[in-house]
Structure formats: C-alpha cells, structure tokens
Amino acid sequence: DAPAGQVYVVWAVSPDNKYQRLGQIVNTGQRNEAQIQSETQFTDFGLFVTLESESSSPNGVIVGTVEK
C-alpha cells in the first residue's frame, strides 16, 4: 500500500529524458499485482515506478525500474 496521499506511478522515459506517465498502480486489497495498459509515442524507452503525490512529471522517489 502507498502511504496516505501518495500513489505508485509507472513512467516511460526516452533516451533524451522526456517522460510520459503511463498509469497508476492501485492496490485492490487482493494480490500484489497490477496491470497497466497504455501507449507511448516513444520508439525507445525505459520504465520506472515512483512514489508520488499527484504529479504530471516524476518528482518522487524511484521505487522500481525495468531493465532490458
């Protein structure tokens, strides 16, 4: 669970450091799983998760990354 007033957000980041918010991880009270269906115009990108208070750009602590 995210602390009160904060959410886990999944971001895409391009090689030239442009960010796109892909979605928010919501705890349903069941299993620790999330499914985010989103699209990006980035042809090459990385993924990471931050802990945020509502934000349109990543400002919070990075809590996870995805590597190729």
N, C-alpha and C. Protein backbone atom coordinates (compact mmCIF):
# COMPACT_ATOMS: atom_id res chain seq x y z
N ASP A 1 0.84 -1.19 0.00
CA ASP A 1 0.00 0.00 0.00
C ASP A 1 0.88 1.25 0.00
N ALA A 2 0.46 2.22 -0.75
CA ALA A 2 1.15 3.51 -0.75
C ALA A 2 0.74 4.29 0.51
N PRO A 3 1.66 5.10 1.04
CA PRO A 3 1.30 5.94 2.19
C PRO A 3 0.13 6.88 1.84
N ALA A 4 -0.58 7.33 2.84
CA ALA A 4 -1.73 8.21 2.63
C ALA A 4 -1.33 9.43 1.80
N GLY A 5 -2.14 9.74 0.80
CA GLY A 5 -1.91 10.91 -0.04
C GLY A 5 -0.89 10.69 -1.15
N GLN A 6 -0.39 9.46 -1.30
CA GLN A 6 0.58 9.17 -2.35
C GLN A 6 0.14 7.96 -3.16
N VAL A 7 0.68 7.86 -4.38
CA VAL A 7 0.36 6.75 -5.27
C VAL A 7 1.64 6.27 -5.95
N TYR A 8 1.63 5.01 -6.39
CA TYR A 8 2.72 4.49 -7.20
C TYR A 8 2.38 4.76 -8.66
N VAL A 9 3.31 5.37 -9.40
CA VAL A 9 3.08 5.75 -10.78
C VAL A 9 4.13 5.09 -11.67
N VAL A 10 3.69 4.55 -12.82
CA VAL A 10 4.60 3.96 -13.80
C VAL A 10 4.87 5.00 -14.89
N TRP A 11 6.16 5.19 -15.22
CA TRP A 11 6.60 6.18 -16.19
C TRP A 11 7.41 5.52 -17.29
N ALA A 12 7.32 6.08 -18.49
CA ALA A 12 8.24 5.75 -19.58
C ALA A 12 9.20 6.93 -19.70
N VAL A 13 10.48 6.64 -19.98
CA VAL A 13 11.47 7.70 -20.17
C VAL A 13 12.22 7.42 -21.46
N SER A 14 12.32 8.45 -22.31
CA SER A 14 13.00 8.31 -23.59
C SER A 14 14.50 8.55 -23.40
N PRO A 15 15.33 8.18 -24.39
CA PRO A 15 16.78 8.41 -24.28
C PRO A 15 17.15 9.88 -24.09
N ASP A 16 16.28 10.80 -24.54
CA ASP A 16 16.58 12.23 -24.36
C ASP A 16 15.86 12.82 -23.13
N ASN A 17 15.52 11.93 -22.18
CA ASN A 17 14.95 12.32 -20.88
C ASN A 17 13.60 13.02 -20.96
N LYS A 18 12.75 12.59 -21.86
CA LYS A 18 11.35 13.02 -21.86
C LYS A 18 10.56 11.94 -21.13
N TYR A 19 9.58 12.36 -20.34
CA TYR A 19 8.82 11.43 -19.51
C TYR A 19 7.37 11.38 -19.94
N GLN A 20 6.77 10.20 -19.79
CA GLN A 20 5.33 10.06 -20.02
C GLN A 20 4.76 9.19 -18.91
N ARG A 21 3.74 9.71 -18.26
CA ARG A 21 3.04 8.95 -17.22
C ARG A 21 2.19 7.89 -17.90
N LEU A 22 2.41 6.62 -17.56
CA LEU A 22 1.68 5.52 -18.19
C LEU A 22 0.50 5.05 -17.37
N GLY A 23 0.57 5.21 -16.07
CA GLY A 23 -0.55 4.76 -15.25
C GLY A 23 -0.19 4.73 -13.78
N GLN A 24 -1.18 4.41 -12.99
CA GLN A 24 -1.07 4.38 -11.54
C GLN A 24 -1.35 2.97 -11.05
N ILE A 25 -0.53 2.50 -10.13
CA ILE A 25 -0.73 1.17 -9.55
C ILE A 25 -1.71 1.31 -8.40
N VAL A 26 -2.78 0.53 -8.45
CA VAL A 26 -3.83 0.61 -7.44
C VAL A 26 -3.88 -0.72 -6.70
N ASN A 27 -3.85 -0.68 -5.38
CA ASN A 27 -3.97 -1.89 -4.58
C ASN A 27 -5.45 -2.21 -4.44
N THR A 28 -5.83 -3.39 -4.91
CA THR A 28 -7.24 -3.78 -4.86
C THR A 28 -7.58 -4.52 -3.58
N GLY A 29 -6.57 -4.70 -2.71
CA GLY A 29 -6.83 -5.42 -1.46
C GLY A 29 -6.72 -6.92 -1.62
N GLN A 30 -6.34 -7.36 -2.81
CA GLN A 30 -6.20 -8.80 -3.04
C GLN A 30 -4.72 -9.11 -3.24
N ARG A 31 -4.35 -9.58 -4.40
CA ARG A 31 -2.95 -9.93 -4.67
C ARG A 31 -2.14 -8.69 -5.01
N ASN A 32 -0.83 -8.76 -4.79
CA ASN A 32 0.06 -7.66 -5.13
C ASN A 32 0.39 -7.71 -6.61
N GLU A 33 -0.57 -7.36 -7.43
CA GLU A 33 -0.43 -7.37 -8.88
C GLU A 33 -0.98 -6.07 -9.44
N ALA A 34 -0.48 -5.72 -10.63
CA ALA A 34 -1.02 -4.56 -11.32
C ALA A 34 -0.95 -4.82 -12.81
N GLN A 35 -1.92 -4.33 -13.52
CA GLN A 35 -1.91 -4.40 -14.98
C GLN A 35 -2.20 -3.00 -15.48
N ILE A 36 -1.26 -2.48 -16.26
CA ILE A 36 -1.43 -1.15 -16.84
C ILE A 36 -1.37 -1.29 -18.34
N GLN A 37 -2.43 -0.87 -19.00
CA GLN A 37 -2.45 -0.88 -20.46
C GLN A 37 -2.34 0.57 -20.91
N SER A 38 -1.27 0.85 -21.64
CA SER A 38 -1.00 2.22 -22.03
C SER A 38 -0.22 2.22 -23.33
N GLU A 39 -0.17 3.35 -23.97
CA GLU A 39 0.61 3.51 -25.19
C GLU A 39 1.54 4.69 -25.04
N THR A 40 2.64 4.64 -25.78
CA THR A 40 3.57 5.75 -25.80
C THR A 40 4.04 5.97 -27.23
N GLN A 41 4.40 7.21 -27.54
CA GLN A 41 4.94 7.51 -28.86
C GLN A 41 6.45 7.31 -28.89
N PHE A 42 7.05 7.03 -27.73
CA PHE A 42 8.49 6.78 -27.69
C PHE A 42 8.81 5.49 -28.43
N THR A 43 9.81 5.52 -29.31
CA THR A 43 10.21 4.29 -30.01
C THR A 43 11.21 3.49 -29.19
N ASP A 44 11.92 4.14 -28.29
CA ASP A 44 12.88 3.50 -27.40
C ASP A 44 12.67 4.13 -26.03
N PHE A 45 12.48 3.32 -24.99
CA PHE A 45 12.20 3.90 -23.68
C PHE A 45 12.51 2.91 -22.57
N GLY A 46 12.69 3.44 -21.38
CA GLY A 46 12.82 2.66 -20.17
C GLY A 46 11.57 2.84 -19.34
N LEU A 47 11.41 1.99 -18.34
CA LEU A 47 10.25 2.08 -17.43
C LEU A 47 10.74 2.20 -16.00
N PHE A 48 10.04 2.99 -15.21
CA PHE A 48 10.33 3.04 -13.78
C PHE A 48 9.07 3.42 -13.02
N VAL A 49 9.10 3.16 -11.72
CA VAL A 49 7.96 3.43 -10.84
C VAL A 49 8.42 4.39 -9.75
N THR A 50 7.59 5.40 -9.50
CA THR A 50 7.88 6.35 -8.42
C THR A 50 6.72 6.39 -7.43
N LEU A 51 7.02 6.87 -6.26
CA LEU A 51 6.01 7.12 -5.24
C LEU A 51 5.74 8.62 -5.27
N GLU A 52 4.52 9.00 -5.63
CA GLU A 52 4.18 10.41 -5.90
C GLU A 52 2.94 10.85 -5.14
N SER A 53 2.90 12.14 -4.84
CA SER A 53 1.62 12.79 -4.61
C SER A 53 1.25 13.22 -6.03
N GLU A 54 0.03 13.36 -6.38
CA GLU A 54 -0.38 13.58 -7.77
C GLU A 54 0.59 14.50 -8.51
N SER A 55 1.07 14.05 -9.66
CA SER A 55 2.09 14.81 -10.39
C SER A 55 2.03 14.46 -11.87
N SER A 56 2.36 15.43 -12.73
CA SER A 56 2.42 15.17 -14.16
C SER A 56 3.84 14.92 -14.62
N SER A 57 4.81 15.03 -13.72
CA SER A 57 6.20 14.68 -14.02
C SER A 57 6.77 13.97 -12.81
N PRO A 58 7.73 13.07 -13.04
CA PRO A 58 8.25 12.29 -11.91
C PRO A 58 9.07 13.16 -10.96
N ASN A 59 8.58 13.28 -9.74
CA ASN A 59 9.25 14.06 -8.71
C ASN A 59 9.57 13.24 -7.47
N GLY A 60 8.93 12.09 -7.35
CA GLY A 60 9.07 11.28 -6.15
C GLY A 60 10.26 10.34 -6.21
N VAL A 61 10.36 9.54 -5.18
CA VAL A 61 11.43 8.55 -5.05
C VAL A 61 11.19 7.42 -6.03
N ILE A 62 12.23 7.02 -6.77
CA ILE A 62 12.11 5.87 -7.67
C ILE A 62 12.11 4.60 -6.80
N VAL A 63 11.09 3.78 -6.96
CA VAL A 63 10.96 2.57 -6.15
C VAL A 63 11.14 1.30 -6.97
N GLY A 64 11.27 1.43 -8.30
CA GLY A 64 11.47 0.25 -9.14
C GLY A 64 11.80 0.66 -10.56
N THR A 65 12.56 -0.21 -11.24
CA THR A 65 12.90 0.02 -12.65
C THR A 65 12.76 -1.28 -13.40
N VAL A 66 12.67 -1.18 -14.72
CA VAL A 66 12.64 -2.34 -15.60
C VAL A 66 13.85 -2.24 -16.51
N GLU A 67 14.64 -3.29 -16.58
CA GLU A 67 15.80 -3.30 -17.44
C GLU A 67 15.63 -4.33 -18.53
N LYS A 68 16.23 -4.03 -19.70
CA LYS A 68 16.18 -4.99 -20.81
C LYS A 68 17.22 -6.05 -20.60
